[in-house]
Amino acid sequence: MKIKELRKIPIFYRLNDDSLKYISQIVSTRVYDKGEVILLEEDTGNNLYLIKSGRVKVTRINSDGDEVILTMLGEGEFFGEMAIFGGVTRSANVTALEKSEVLILTRQDFLSLLKKHPDISIYLLEEMASRLRKSDQLIKDLSLSNAEHKIAMSIVRLSEELGKIKQGQVEIEDFPYQKDIANMAGTSRETVSRTLKKFEKKGYIEKKGRKLIIFDYHKFVEEFS
């Protein structure tokens, strides 16, 4: 693992070359194919995972046995931290959405790294606080009875996680499949299909293959907040 590649990962960008060289010697890598399960809920966790390339989805199974997508993570993001700190079992499933290369740090190595570089802890706390806010919003969104609203807020979440904004317009290059949107919103694929067509007809969005464009992002958010 090269130092310049490690520096691209936000959690490490504050570190000097000597520290990055040390990490390059203790980190391992693994490639997961699309659809391959990386972590299973309730498994014992001893590793922290950092995404070098690709995307994963974090999911749980609800009381009805249906998959609910909690979030999607991409290049530079991490997962598995809760089990590292709490010494508890995994709280969710993680599956590769596409071929993904993941860096792996053992619990012992990562905790040693935190002692040497406490500023990493600050970044972790900031990121975990952000995820907690998103989780609170997710609970609020899923409690809504209006499927259209749920789907709209799922699109907003994806815009924040995957989108690129320019002059008020957001583009999501690899927009998830309708089944995944349904799992995020707690509704059916057919409802997602109808709602996306409705949004297009109203001029909120445009879909070109896997790309989704929100013409006026702030207006879209205000409409469904």
C-alpha atoms as a PDB file:
ATOM      1  CA  MET A   1       0.000   0.000   0.000  1.00  0.00           C
ATOM      2  CA  LYS A   2       1.549   3.299  -1.095  1.00  0.00           C
ATOM      3  CA  ILE A   3       1.716   6.380   1.133  1.00  0.00           C
ATOM      4  CA  LYS A   4       0.101   8.628  -1.477  1.00  0.00           C
ATOM      5  CA  GLU A   5      -2.875   6.257  -1.676  1.00  0.00           C
ATOM      6  CA  LEU A   6      -3.321   6.276   2.114  1.00  0.00           C
ATOM      7  CA  ARG A   7      -3.242  10.075   2.166  1.00  0.00           C
ATOM      8  CA  LYS A   8      -6.358  10.157  -0.040  1.00  0.00           C
ATOM      9  CA  ILE A   9      -8.352   8.537   2.781  1.00  0.00           C
ATOM     10  CA  PRO A  10      -9.841  11.347   4.927  1.00  0.00           C
ATOM     11  CA  ILE A  11      -9.187   9.611   8.242  1.00  0.00           C
ATOM     12  CA  PHE A  12      -5.433   9.641   7.503  1.00  0.00           C
ATOM     13  CA  TYR A  13      -4.925  12.919   5.657  1.00  0.00           C
ATOM     14  CA  ARG A  14      -3.536  14.754   8.712  1.00  0.00           C
ATOM     15  CA  LEU A  15      -0.751  12.216   9.275  1.00  0.00           C
ATOM     16  CA  ASN A  16       2.898  12.659   8.320  1.00  0.00           C
ATOM     17  CA  ASP A  17       4.802  10.370   5.963  1.00  0.00           C
ATOM     18  CA  ASP A  18       6.387   8.312   8.765  1.00  0.00           C
ATOM     19  CA  SER A  19       2.964   7.511  10.228  1.00  0.00           C
ATOM     20  CA  LEU A  20       1.555   6.652   6.817  1.00  0.00           C
ATOM     21  CA  LYS A  21       4.528   4.398   6.143  1.00  0.00           C
ATOM     22  CA  TYR A  22       3.790   2.577   9.403  1.00  0.00           C
ATOM     23  CA  ILE A  23       0.134   2.144   8.436  1.00  0.00           C
ATOM     24  CA  SER A  24       1.123   0.825   5.007  1.00  0.00           C
ATOM     25  CA  GLN A  25       3.013  -1.966   6.779  1.00  0.00           C
ATOM     26  CA  ILE A  26       0.173  -3.048   9.079  1.00  0.00           C
ATOM     27  CA  VAL A  27      -2.853  -2.638   6.820  1.00  0.00           C
ATOM     28  CA  SER A  28      -4.136  -5.513   4.710  1.00  0.00           C
ATOM     29  CA  THR A  29      -6.309  -5.322   1.600  1.00  0.00           C
ATOM     30  CA  ARG A  30      -9.101  -7.427   0.181  1.00  0.00           C
ATOM     31  CA  VAL A  31     -11.245  -7.189  -2.937  1.00  0.00           C
ATOM     32  CA  TYR A  32     -14.955  -8.020  -2.722  1.00  0.00           C
ATOM     33  CA  ASP A  33     -17.059  -8.793  -5.786  1.00  0.00           C
ATOM     34  CA  LYS A  34     -20.450  -7.184  -6.410  1.00  0.00           C
ATOM     35  CA  GLY A  35     -23.039  -8.715  -4.096  1.00  0.00           C
ATOM     36  CA  GLU A  36     -20.471 -10.292  -1.780  1.00  0.00           C
ATOM     37  CA  VAL A  37     -21.204  -9.971   1.936  1.00  0.00           C
ATOM     38  CA  ILE A  38     -18.412  -8.235   3.877  1.00  0.00           C
ATOM     39  CA  LEU A  39     -19.943  -8.176   7.359  1.00  0.00           C
ATOM     40  CA  LEU A  40     -22.907  -9.908   8.942  1.00  0.00           C
ATOM     41  CA  GLU A  41     -25.046  -8.458  11.718  1.00  0.00           C
ATOM     42  CA  GLU A  42     -24.358 -10.076  15.109  1.00  0.00           C
ATOM     43  CA  ASP A  43     -20.944 -11.382  14.035  1.00  0.00           C
ATOM     44  CA  THR A  44     -18.049 -10.631  16.395  1.00  0.00           C
ATOM     45  CA  GLY A  45     -16.045  -7.677  15.119  1.00  0.00           C
ATOM     46  CA  ASN A  46     -12.274  -7.242  15.356  1.00  0.00           C
ATOM     47  CA  ASN A  47     -11.473  -5.146  12.283  1.00  0.00           C
ATOM     48  CA  LEU A  48     -11.989  -1.637  10.947  1.00  0.00           C
ATOM     49  CA  TYR A  49     -12.668  -1.390   7.200  1.00  0.00           C
ATOM     50  CA  LEU A  50     -11.786   1.526   4.907  1.00  0.00           C
ATOM     51  CA  ILE A  51     -13.015   1.695   1.328  1.00  0.00           C
ATOM     52  CA  LYS A  52     -10.179   2.274  -1.138  1.00  0.00           C
ATOM     53  CA  SER A  53     -12.472   1.920  -4.177  1.00  0.00           C
ATOM     54  CA  GLY A  54     -16.030   0.876  -4.900  1.00  0.00           C
ATOM     55  CA  ARG A  55     -19.269   1.186  -2.897  1.00  0.00           C
ATOM     56  CA  VAL A  56     -21.042  -0.803  -0.204  1.00  0.00           C
ATOM     57  CA  LYS A  57     -24.489  -0.780   1.365  1.00  0.00           C
ATOM     58  CA  VAL A  58     -25.159  -1.021   5.095  1.00  0.00           C
ATOM     59  CA  THR A  59     -28.389  -2.867   5.884  1.00  0.00           C
ATOM     60  CA  ARG A  60     -30.507  -4.437   8.597  1.00  0.00           C
ATOM     61  CA  ILE A  61     -33.400  -6.887   8.422  1.00  0.00           C
ATOM     62  CA  ASN A  62     -36.651  -5.552   9.886  1.00  0.00           C
ATOM     63  CA  SER A  63     -39.266  -7.482  11.882  1.00  0.00           C
ATOM     64  CA  ASP A  64     -41.034  -8.493   8.648  1.00  0.00           C
ATOM     65  CA  GLY A  65     -37.862 -10.055   7.273  1.00  0.00           C
ATOM     66  CA  ASP A  66     -37.315  -7.273   4.707  1.00  0.00           C
ATOM     67  CA  GLU A  67     -33.989  -5.620   4.026  1.00  0.00           C
ATOM     68  CA  VAL A  68     -33.732  -1.943   5.003  1.00  0.00           C
ATOM     69  CA  ILE A  69     -30.799   0.046   3.592  1.00  0.00           C
ATOM     70  CA  LEU A  70     -29.397   2.325   6.291  1.00  0.00           C
ATOM     71  CA  THR A  71     -26.763   4.014   4.154  1.00  0.00           C
ATOM     72  CA  MET A  72     -24.390   3.604   1.229  1.00  0.00           C
ATOM     73  CA  LEU A  73     -20.683   4.258   1.615  1.00  0.00           C
ATOM     74  CA  GLY A  74     -18.067   5.007  -1.027  1.00  0.00           C
ATOM     75  CA  GLU A  75     -14.379   5.668  -1.572  1.00  0.00           C
ATOM     76  CA  GLY A  76     -12.548   6.990   1.490  1.00  0.00           C
ATOM     77  CA  GLU A  77     -15.293   6.085   3.975  1.00  0.00           C
ATOM     78  CA  PHE A  78     -15.083   3.527   6.762  1.00  0.00           C
ATOM     79  CA  PHE A  79     -17.251   1.009   8.589  1.00  0.00           C
ATOM     80  CA  GLY A  80     -16.960  -1.478  11.446  1.00  0.00           C
ATOM     81  CA  GLU A  81     -15.986   1.136  14.023  1.00  0.00           C
ATOM     82  CA  MET A  82     -18.782   0.387  16.515  1.00  0.00           C
ATOM     83  CA  ALA A  83     -17.542  -3.147  17.193  1.00  0.00           C
ATOM     84  CA  ILE A  84     -13.967  -1.873  17.432  1.00  0.00           C
ATOM     85  CA  PHE A  85     -14.763   0.582  20.227  1.00  0.00           C
ATOM     86  CA  GLY A  86     -17.508  -1.268  22.018  1.00  0.00           C
ATOM     87  CA  GLY A  87     -16.149  -4.784  21.806  1.00  0.00           C
ATOM     88  CA  VAL A  88     -19.623  -5.871  20.735  1.00  0.00           C
ATOM     89  CA  THR A  89     -21.074  -7.748  17.783  1.00  0.00           C
ATOM     90  CA  ARG A  90     -21.699  -6.061  14.431  1.00  0.00           C
ATOM     91  CA  SER A  91     -24.801  -3.876  14.355  1.00  0.00           C
ATOM     92  CA  ALA A  92     -25.561  -4.246  10.622  1.00  0.00           C
ATOM     93  CA  ASN A  93     -24.818  -6.142   7.421  1.00  0.00           C
ATOM     94  CA  VAL A  94     -22.419  -4.707   4.826  1.00  0.00           C
ATOM     95  CA  THR A  95     -22.521  -5.856   1.192  1.00  0.00           C
ATOM     96  CA  ALA A  96     -20.519  -4.732  -1.846  1.00  0.00           C
ATOM     97  CA  LEU A  97     -22.670  -2.851  -4.377  1.00  0.00           C
ATOM     98  CA  GLU A  98     -19.900  -3.190  -6.949  1.00  0.00           C
ATOM     99  CA  LYS A  99     -16.388  -4.630  -7.053  1.00  0.00           C
ATOM    100  CA  SER A 100     -14.726  -2.960  -4.069  1.00  0.00           C
ATOM    101  CA  GLU A 101     -11.220  -2.894  -2.641  1.00  0.00           C
ATOM    102  CA  VAL A 102     -11.187  -2.536   1.139  1.00  0.00           C
ATOM    103  CA  LEU A 103      -8.351  -1.807   3.568  1.00  0.00           C
ATOM    104  CA  ILE A 104      -8.480  -3.700   6.858  1.00  0.00           C
ATOM    105  CA  LEU A 105      -6.974  -2.708  10.211  1.00  0.00           C
ATOM    106  CA  THR A 106      -7.150  -5.020  13.203  1.00  0.00           C
ATOM    107  CA  ARG A 107      -8.655  -3.696  16.432  1.00  0.00           C
ATOM    108  CA  GLN A 108      -5.298  -3.851  18.218  1.00  0.00           C
ATOM    109  CA  ASP A 109      -3.432  -1.993  15.459  1.00  0.00           C
ATOM    110  CA  PHE A 110      -6.146   0.647  15.136  1.00  0.00           C
ATOM    111  CA  LEU A 111      -6.356   1.360  18.879  1.00  0.00           C
ATOM    112  CA  SER A 112      -2.553   1.665  18.991  1.00  0.00           C
ATOM    113  CA  LEU A 113      -2.749   4.109  16.099  1.00  0.00           C
ATOM    114  CA  LEU A 114      -5.297   6.230  17.977  1.00  0.00           C
ATOM    115  CA  LYS A 115      -2.967   6.497  20.971  1.00  0.00           C
ATOM    116  CA  LYS A 116      -0.185   7.822  18.744  1.00  0.00           C
ATOM    117  CA  HIS A 117      -2.495  10.105  16.734  1.00  0.00           C
ATOM    118  CA  PRO A 118      -5.418  11.358  18.846  1.00  0.00           C
ATOM    119  CA  ASP A 119      -6.434  13.741  16.040  1.00  0.00           C
ATOM    120  CA  ILE A 120      -7.795  10.665  14.225  1.00  0.00           C
ATOM    121  CA  SER A 121     -10.232  10.315  17.123  1.00  0.00           C
ATOM    122  CA  ILE A 122     -11.517  13.835  16.462  1.00  0.00           C
ATOM    123  CA  TYR A 123     -12.264  12.953  12.845  1.00  0.00           C
ATOM    124  CA  LEU A 124     -13.976   9.738  13.941  1.00  0.00           C
ATOM    125  CA  LEU A 125     -16.161  11.559  16.467  1.00  0.00           C
ATOM    126  CA  GLU A 126     -17.166  14.141  13.858  1.00  0.00           C
ATOM    127  CA  GLU A 127     -18.077  11.440  11.350  1.00  0.00           C
ATOM    128  CA  MET A 128     -19.937   9.332  13.900  1.00  0.00           C
ATOM    129  CA  ALA A 129     -21.912  12.377  15.068  1.00  0.00           C
ATOM    130  CA  SER A 130     -22.865  13.056  11.438  1.00  0.00           C
ATOM    131  CA  ARG A 131     -23.996   9.453  11.011  1.00  0.00           C
ATOM    132  CA  LEU A 132     -26.055   9.669  14.197  1.00  0.00           C
ATOM    133  CA  ARG A 133     -27.869  12.726  12.845  1.00  0.00           C
ATOM    134  CA  LYS A 134     -28.556  10.865   9.597  1.00  0.00           C
ATOM    135  CA  SER A 135     -29.870   7.868  11.547  1.00  0.00           C
ATOM    136  CA  ASP A 136     -32.234  10.107  13.492  1.00  0.00           C
ATOM    137  CA  GLN A 137     -33.475  11.591  10.223  1.00  0.00           C
ATOM    138  CA  LEU A 138     -33.874   8.108   8.743  1.00  0.00           C
ATOM    139  CA  ILE A 139     -36.073   7.035  11.664  1.00  0.00           C
ATOM    140  CA  LYS A 140     -38.161  10.168  11.192  1.00  0.00           C
ATOM    141  CA  ASP A 141     -38.485   9.592   7.435  1.00  0.00           C
ATOM    142  CA  LEU A 142     -39.464   5.928   7.783  1.00  0.00           C
ATOM    143  CA  SER A 143     -42.163   6.844  10.305  1.00  0.00           C
ATOM    144  CA  LEU A 144     -43.954   8.878   7.655  1.00  0.00           C
ATOM    145  CA  SER A 145     -46.993   7.284   6.037  1.00  0.00           C
ATOM    146  CA  ASN A 146     -46.586   9.071   2.712  1.00  0.00           C
ATOM    147  CA  ALA A 147     -44.566   6.855   0.337  1.00  0.00           C
ATOM    148  CA  GLU A 148     -43.831   9.794  -1.983  1.00  0.00           C
ATOM    149  CA  HIS A 149     -42.245  11.684   0.896  1.00  0.00           C
ATOM    150  CA  LYS A 150     -40.181   8.655   1.926  1.00  0.00           C
ATOM    151  CA  ILE A 151     -38.839   8.217  -1.597  1.00  0.00           C
ATOM    152  CA  ALA A 152     -38.064  11.922  -1.935  1.00  0.00           C
ATOM    153  CA  MET A 153     -36.075  11.913   1.320  1.00  0.00           C
ATOM    154  CA  SER A 154     -34.225   8.786   0.184  1.00  0.00           C
ATOM    155  CA  ILE A 155     -33.190  10.712  -2.938  1.00  0.00           C
ATOM    156  CA  VAL A 156     -32.022  13.586  -0.723  1.00  0.00           C
ATOM    157  CA  ARG A 157     -29.908  11.154   1.325  1.00  0.00           C
ATOM    158  CA  LEU A 158     -28.371   9.735  -1.839  1.00  0.00           C
ATOM    159  CA  SER A 159     -27.649  13.256  -3.060  1.00  0.00           C
ATOM    160  CA  GLU A 160     -25.692  13.940   0.118  1.00  0.00           C
ATOM    161  CA  GLU A 161     -23.801  10.643  -0.069  1.00  0.00           C
ATOM    162  CA  LEU A 162     -23.222  10.216  -3.814  1.00  0.00           C
ATOM    163  CA  GLY A 163     -24.242  13.391  -5.613  1.00  0.00           C
ATOM    164  CA  LYS A 164     -22.275  16.249  -7.114  1.00  0.00           C
ATOM    165  CA  ILE A 165     -23.811  19.714  -6.854  1.00  0.00           C
ATOM    166  CA  LYS A 166     -23.152  22.543  -9.278  1.00  0.00           C
ATOM    167  CA  GLN A 167     -25.103  25.788  -9.428  1.00  0.00           C
ATOM    168  CA  GLY A 168     -27.974  24.272  -7.473  1.00  0.00           C
ATOM    169  CA  GLN A 169     -28.255  21.171  -9.666  1.00  0.00           C
ATOM    170  CA  VAL A 170     -27.338  17.726  -8.336  1.00  0.00           C
ATOM    171  CA  GLU A 171     -26.176  14.780 -10.421  1.00  0.00           C
ATOM    172  CA  ILE A 172     -25.965  11.219  -9.100  1.00  0.00           C
ATOM    173  CA  GLU A 173     -23.944   9.212 -11.616  1.00  0.00           C
ATOM    174  CA  ASP A 174     -24.664   5.680 -10.383  1.00  0.00           C
ATOM    175  CA  PHE A 175     -28.187   6.032  -9.058  1.00  0.00           C
ATOM    176  CA  PRO A 176     -29.193   2.841  -7.198  1.00  0.00           C
ATOM    177  CA  TYR A 177     -31.651   0.385  -8.668  1.00  0.00           C
ATOM    178  CA  GLN A 178     -35.331   0.829  -7.849  1.00  0.00           C
ATOM    179  CA  LYS A 179     -35.258  -2.205  -5.558  1.00  0.00           C
ATOM    180  CA  ASP A 180     -32.539  -0.561  -3.457  1.00  0.00           C
ATOM    181  CA  ILE A 181     -34.496   2.695  -3.301  1.00  0.00           C
ATOM    182  CA  ALA A 182     -37.531   0.697  -2.156  1.00  0.00           C
ATOM    183  CA  ASN A 183     -35.418  -0.890   0.591  1.00  0.00           C
ATOM    184  CA  MET A 184     -34.230   2.537   1.685  1.00  0.00           C
ATOM    185  CA  ALA A 185     -37.733   3.996   1.758  1.00  0.00           C
ATOM    186  CA  GLY A 186     -39.525   0.985   3.182  1.00  0.00           C
ATOM    187  CA  THR A 187     -41.860   0.667   0.213  1.00  0.00           C
ATOM    188  CA  SER A 188     -42.245  -1.413  -2.965  1.00  0.00           C
ATOM    189  CA  ARG A 189     -40.276  -1.252  -6.217  1.00  0.00           C
ATOM    190  CA  GLU A 190     -43.508  -0.550  -8.115  1.00  0.00           C
ATOM    191  CA  THR A 191     -44.208   2.471  -5.888  1.00  0.00           C
ATOM    192  CA  VAL A 192     -40.690   3.756  -6.483  1.00  0.00           C
ATOM    193  CA  SER A 193     -41.155   3.405 -10.258  1.00  0.00           C
ATOM    194  CA  ARG A 194     -44.440   5.336 -10.213  1.00  0.00           C
ATOM    195  CA  THR A 195     -43.049   8.041  -7.939  1.00  0.00           C
ATOM    196  CA  LEU A 196     -39.899   8.616 -10.001  1.00  0.00           C
ATOM    197  CA  LYS A 197     -42.051   9.015 -13.116  1.00  0.00           C
ATOM    198  CA  LYS A 198     -44.255  11.467 -11.206  1.00  0.00           C
ATOM    199  CA  PHE A 199     -41.219  13.491 -10.136  1.00  0.00           C
ATOM    200  CA  GLU A 200     -39.999  13.580 -13.740  1.00  0.00           C
ATOM    201  CA  LYS A 201     -43.408  14.711 -14.982  1.00  0.00           C
ATOM    202  CA  LYS A 202     -43.402  17.542 -12.427  1.00  0.00           C
ATOM    203  CA  GLY A 203     -39.949  18.629 -13.580  1.00  0.00           C
ATOM    204  CA  TYR A 204     -38.133  17.872 -10.333  1.00  0.00           C
ATOM    205  CA  ILE A 205     -35.782  15.275 -11.781  1.00  0.00           C
ATOM    206  CA  GLU A 206     -34.565  13.638 -14.970  1.00  0.00           C
ATOM    207  CA  LYS A 207     -33.273  10.104 -15.291  1.00  0.00           C
ATOM    208  CA  LYS A 208     -30.771   9.177 -18.009  1.00  0.00           C
ATOM    209  CA  GLY A 209     -29.871   5.509 -17.677  1.00  0.00           C
ATOM    210  CA  ARG A 210     -28.201   5.173 -14.265  1.00  0.00           C
ATOM    211  CA  LYS A 211     -27.757   8.938 -13.890  1.00  0.00           C
ATOM    212  CA  LEU A 212     -30.326  10.983 -11.960  1.00  0.00           C
ATOM    213  CA  ILE A 213     -30.431  14.778 -12.132  1.00  0.00           C
ATOM    214  CA  ILE A 214     -32.237  17.021  -9.638  1.00  0.00           C
ATOM    215  CA  PHE A 215     -32.692  20.338 -11.425  1.00  0.00           C
ATOM    216  CA  ASP A 216     -33.196  22.531  -8.337  1.00  0.00           C
ATOM    217  CA  TYR A 217     -31.892  20.671  -5.305  1.00  0.00           C
ATOM    218  CA  HIS A 218     -32.844  23.283  -2.698  1.00  0.00           C
ATOM    219  CA  LYS A 219     -36.377  23.555  -4.061  1.00  0.00           C
ATOM    220  CA  PHE A 220     -36.685  19.758  -4.024  1.00  0.00           C
ATOM    221  CA  VAL A 221     -35.553  19.598  -0.379  1.00  0.00           C
ATOM    222  CA  GLU A 222     -37.925  22.397   0.639  1.00  0.00           C
ATOM    223  CA  GLU A 223     -40.821  20.716  -1.142  1.00  0.00           C
ATOM    224  CA  PHE A 224     -40.510  17.527   0.883  1.00  0.00           C
ATOM    225  CA  SER A 225     -39.006  18.695   4.196  1.00  0.00           C
END
